[in-house]
Amino acid sequence: MSSFVNSSIGKKFFMSITGFFLMMFLVVHLSINLLLLFDDSGNLFNQGAHFMATNPLIKIVEPLLALGFVLHILYATYLTLKNQKARPVNYKKADLSKSSSWASRNMFVLGTLILIFLVIHIINFYWQLKVSHTVPGVMVDGVEMENAYGLVAGLFKASLIYCLIYITGAVFLGIHLTHGFWSAFQTIGWNNDIWRKRIEFVGKVFAILIAVGFSIIPLYFLIKF
């Protein structure tokens, strides 16, 4: 078992599995966030956020998805540092621009930029909602819940800089996914010529939807308010 984990295939498999967790986490997170666009009263988004925070099944699944997200980042960092240590001396490299995408050659750079955005995002939203519980309460249909809408919409309305940071993070994430999506499927065996072309196409569509979906949210508040 340990030989598989330490092998090249084992490392790629681990990155693939945690990558799937990352993609599922993004789909769930984006689905809730898009509720911000459909009800300016904030009730719909607050209900969605409250459901995610109180539903027993979600309370089990969400931490697991988030754990996969964190493990993906940590293991990618570990592998990159290990590879750099194994090749401490720079040497002339072949031009790979024609045989591989820019995203595939810069996955760690993109991942680092996404991590920086994630830290900012956690400080502004997750910490206040989940840890410090400093968000004021609000009544929605007779149920008291945290005013998550007021927190999120308030920041987007008040800070152009944060809106730009959020959009930039979404773009970096989309670029990262253009390679990560099909690479994850390739690792589990869907790597013949027919499936690779199909998965690459689906991956690009998925990456665009994620990037555009997250970017639309701050743009909505910038344009409307």
Protein backbone atom coordinates (compact mmCIF):
# COMPACT_ATOMS: atom_id res chain seq x y z
CA MET A 1 0.00 0.00 0.00
CA SER A 2 2.77 2.43 0.95
CA SER A 3 4.61 1.69 -2.31
CA PHE A 4 1.50 2.66 -4.29
CA VAL A 5 1.04 5.90 -2.33
CA ASN A 6 4.67 6.84 -2.88
CA SER A 7 4.64 5.88 -6.56
CA SER A 8 4.08 8.37 -9.37
CA ILE A 9 0.69 6.77 -10.13
CA GLY A 10 -0.31 6.85 -6.46
CA LYS A 11 0.53 10.54 -6.16
CA LYS A 12 -1.46 11.37 -9.29
CA PHE A 13 -4.37 9.26 -8.03
CA PHE A 14 -4.43 11.13 -4.72
CA MET A 15 -4.41 14.48 -6.54
CA SER A 16 -7.18 13.21 -8.81
CA ILE A 17 -9.47 12.09 -5.97
CA THR A 18 -8.98 15.27 -3.95
CA GLY A 19 -9.51 17.21 -7.18
CA PHE A 20 -12.94 15.61 -7.54
CA PHE A 21 -13.72 16.76 -3.99
CA LEU A 22 -12.65 20.25 -5.00
CA MET A 23 -14.95 20.27 -8.03
CA MET A 24 -17.93 18.98 -6.05
CA PHE A 25 -17.30 21.60 -3.38
CA LEU A 26 -17.25 24.32 -6.04
CA VAL A 27 -20.54 23.16 -7.57
CA VAL A 28 -22.28 23.16 -4.17
CA HIS A 29 -20.77 26.50 -3.17
CA LEU A 30 -21.64 28.19 -6.46
CA SER A 31 -25.20 26.83 -6.41
CA ILE A 32 -25.86 28.54 -3.07
CA ASN A 33 -24.03 31.74 -4.00
CA LEU A 34 -26.07 32.22 -7.16
CA LEU A 35 -29.14 32.67 -4.94
CA LEU A 36 -27.73 36.16 -4.30
CA LEU A 37 -28.89 37.14 -7.78
CA PHE A 38 -32.54 36.16 -7.50
CA ASP A 39 -33.78 38.00 -4.43
CA ASP A 40 -32.54 41.45 -3.44
CA SER A 41 -34.36 41.16 -0.11
CA GLY A 42 -31.76 38.56 0.86
CA ASN A 43 -34.32 36.07 2.15
CA LEU A 44 -33.60 33.41 -0.48
CA PHE A 45 -29.84 33.45 0.06
CA ASN A 46 -30.24 33.53 3.83
CA GLN A 47 -32.51 30.49 3.66
CA GLY A 48 -29.99 28.68 1.46
CA ALA A 49 -27.10 29.52 3.78
CA HIS A 50 -29.17 28.52 6.82
CA PHE A 51 -30.07 25.21 5.18
CA MET A 52 -26.39 24.51 4.49
CA ALA A 53 -25.52 25.35 8.08
CA THR A 54 -28.25 23.30 9.77
CA ASN A 55 -29.09 20.32 7.52
CA PRO A 56 -27.57 17.15 9.10
CA LEU A 57 -26.52 15.62 5.78
CA ILE A 58 -24.95 18.84 4.53
CA LYS A 59 -23.14 19.26 7.84
CA ILE A 60 -21.48 15.89 7.19
CA VAL A 61 -20.82 16.25 3.47
CA GLU A 62 -19.60 19.85 3.40
CA PRO A 63 -16.66 19.30 5.80
CA LEU A 64 -15.63 16.22 3.80
CA LEU A 65 -15.65 18.22 0.56
CA ALA A 66 -13.74 21.03 2.24
CA LEU A 67 -11.21 18.51 3.63
CA GLY A 68 -10.64 17.17 0.13
CA PHE A 69 -10.10 20.76 -1.00
CA VAL A 70 -7.49 21.38 1.72
CA LEU A 71 -5.71 18.06 1.16
CA HIS A 72 -5.52 18.82 -2.56
CA ILE A 73 -3.78 22.13 -1.86
CA LEU A 74 -1.41 20.72 0.78
CA TYR A 75 -0.41 17.68 -1.28
CA ALA A 76 0.15 19.80 -4.39
CA THR A 77 2.46 22.04 -2.35
CA TYR A 78 4.29 19.01 -0.95
CA LEU A 79 4.83 17.47 -4.39
CA THR A 80 6.02 20.75 -5.91
CA LEU A 81 8.54 21.38 -3.13
CA LYS A 82 9.72 17.78 -3.30
CA ASN A 83 10.26 18.01 -7.07
CA GLN A 84 12.14 21.27 -6.70
CA LYS A 85 14.37 19.76 -4.03
CA ALA A 86 15.11 16.80 -6.29
CA ARG A 87 16.23 19.21 -9.04
CA PRO A 88 18.05 22.01 -7.20
CA VAL A 89 20.16 22.97 -10.21
CA ASN A 90 18.43 24.74 -13.07
CA TYR A 91 18.94 23.24 -16.48
CA LYS A 92 17.91 24.08 -19.99
CA LYS A 93 14.39 22.85 -20.61
CA ALA A 94 12.76 22.00 -23.90
CA ASP A 95 10.05 24.27 -25.20
CA LEU A 96 6.84 22.57 -24.05
CA SER A 97 4.45 25.30 -25.14
CA LYS A 98 3.32 23.35 -28.19
CA SER A 99 2.85 20.01 -26.43
CA SER A 100 1.12 21.20 -23.27
CA SER A 101 -1.14 24.04 -22.18
CA TRP A 102 0.01 27.02 -20.16
CA ALA A 103 -2.32 25.94 -17.35
CA SER A 104 -0.78 22.46 -17.15
CA ARG A 105 2.71 23.97 -16.86
CA ASN A 106 1.69 26.45 -14.17
CA MET A 107 -0.74 24.52 -11.99
CA PHE A 108 1.18 25.28 -8.79
CA VAL A 109 1.35 29.01 -9.58
CA LEU A 110 -2.38 29.07 -10.27
CA GLY A 111 -3.04 27.04 -7.16
CA THR A 112 -1.01 29.46 -5.05
CA LEU A 113 -2.94 32.45 -6.40
CA ILE A 114 -6.22 30.65 -5.70
CA LEU A 115 -5.03 29.87 -2.17
CA ILE A 116 -4.30 33.56 -1.54
CA PHE A 117 -7.81 34.40 -2.71
CA LEU A 118 -9.24 31.62 -0.53
CA VAL A 119 -7.54 33.01 2.57
CA ILE A 120 -9.00 36.47 1.86
CA HIS A 121 -12.41 34.89 1.26
CA ILE A 122 -12.28 32.94 4.54
CA ILE A 123 -11.32 36.05 6.53
CA ASN A 124 -14.18 38.08 5.05
CA PHE A 125 -16.96 35.50 5.08
CA TYR A 126 -16.36 32.05 6.53
CA TRP A 127 -14.66 33.22 9.71
CA GLN A 128 -17.48 35.60 10.62
CA LEU A 129 -20.24 33.12 9.77
CA LYS A 130 -18.76 29.89 11.10
CA VAL A 131 -16.20 30.81 13.76
CA SER A 132 -16.66 34.22 15.37
CA HIS A 133 -20.44 34.35 14.76
CA THR A 134 -20.38 38.14 14.57
CA VAL A 135 -23.03 38.34 11.84
CA PRO A 136 -26.32 39.91 13.03
CA GLY A 137 -29.42 37.75 13.09
CA VAL A 138 -32.49 38.20 10.90
CA MET A 139 -35.99 36.68 10.83
CA VAL A 140 -37.05 34.92 7.62
CA ASP A 141 -40.51 33.35 7.56
CA GLY A 142 -40.54 33.14 11.33
CA VAL A 143 -37.10 31.50 11.55
CA GLU A 144 -34.14 33.31 13.09
CA MET A 145 -30.91 32.96 11.15
CA GLU A 146 -27.68 34.82 10.47
CA ASN A 147 -27.94 37.59 7.90
CA ALA A 148 -25.45 36.05 5.49
CA TYR A 149 -26.87 38.13 2.65
CA GLY A 150 -26.13 41.35 4.49
CA LEU A 151 -22.53 40.27 5.03
CA VAL A 152 -21.84 39.14 1.46
CA ALA A 153 -23.86 41.76 -0.42
CA GLY A 154 -22.61 44.49 1.89
CA LEU A 155 -18.97 43.78 1.05
CA PHE A 156 -19.61 43.59 -2.69
CA LYS A 157 -21.54 46.86 -2.60
CA ALA A 158 -18.94 48.66 -0.51
CA SER A 159 -15.66 47.47 -1.99
CA LEU A 160 -14.71 47.68 -5.67
CA ILE A 161 -11.31 46.26 -4.77
CA TYR A 162 -12.80 43.13 -3.24
CA CYS A 163 -15.07 42.68 -6.26
CA LEU A 164 -12.02 42.79 -8.52
CA ILE A 165 -10.14 40.37 -6.26
CA TYR A 166 -13.13 38.00 -6.32
CA ILE A 167 -13.39 38.13 -10.12
CA THR A 168 -9.64 37.62 -10.51
CA GLY A 169 -9.78 34.61 -8.18
CA ALA A 170 -12.65 33.15 -10.23
CA VAL A 171 -10.65 33.56 -13.45
CA PHE A 172 -7.58 31.89 -11.94
CA LEU A 173 -9.79 29.07 -10.71
CA GLY A 174 -11.29 28.60 -14.17
CA ILE A 175 -7.86 28.43 -15.79
CA HIS A 176 -6.72 25.94 -13.15
CA LEU A 177 -9.75 23.75 -13.88
CA THR A 178 -9.17 23.68 -17.65
CA HIS A 179 -6.29 21.31 -16.99
CA GLY A 180 -7.32 19.86 -13.64
CA PHE A 181 -10.71 18.55 -14.81
CA TRP A 182 -9.52 16.29 -17.61
CA SER A 183 -6.32 15.41 -15.75
CA ALA A 184 -8.38 13.98 -12.89
CA PHE A 185 -10.32 11.73 -15.29
CA GLN A 186 -7.16 10.78 -17.15
CA THR A 187 -5.59 9.52 -13.94
CA ILE A 188 -8.47 7.11 -13.27
CA GLY A 189 -8.14 5.62 -16.74
CA TRP A 190 -10.23 7.73 -19.14
CA ASN A 191 -7.21 8.64 -21.23
CA ASN A 192 -7.70 7.17 -24.68
CA ASP A 193 -7.93 9.54 -27.65
CA ILE A 194 -11.74 9.48 -27.87
CA TRP A 195 -12.43 10.04 -24.17
CA ARG A 196 -9.64 12.56 -23.74
CA LYS A 197 -11.08 14.89 -26.39
CA ARG A 198 -14.56 14.62 -24.90
CA ILE A 199 -13.38 15.18 -21.34
CA GLU A 200 -11.18 18.10 -22.38
CA PHE A 201 -14.23 19.72 -23.98
CA VAL A 202 -16.44 19.08 -20.94
CA GLY A 203 -13.63 20.32 -18.72
CA LYS A 204 -13.38 23.61 -20.60
CA VAL A 205 -17.15 24.09 -20.41
CA PHE A 206 -17.09 23.28 -16.67
CA ALA A 207 -14.19 25.68 -16.08
CA ILE A 208 -15.95 28.48 -17.96
CA LEU A 209 -19.20 27.93 -16.06
CA ILE A 210 -17.40 28.01 -12.71
CA ALA A 211 -15.37 31.12 -13.59
CA VAL A 212 -18.33 32.98 -15.09
CA GLY A 213 -20.70 31.83 -12.35
CA PHE A 214 -18.55 33.19 -9.55
CA SER A 215 -17.64 36.35 -11.50
CA ILE A 216 -21.28 37.22 -12.21
CA ILE A 217 -21.99 37.69 -8.50
CA PRO A 218 -19.74 40.72 -7.81
CA LEU A 219 -20.50 42.11 -11.27
CA TYR A 220 -24.21 42.01 -10.44
CA PHE A 221 -23.70 44.14 -7.33
CA LEU A 222 -21.30 46.49 -9.12
CA ILE A 223 -23.73 47.13 -11.97
CA LYS A 224 -27.01 47.20 -10.06
CA PHE A 225 -25.94 48.97 -6.91
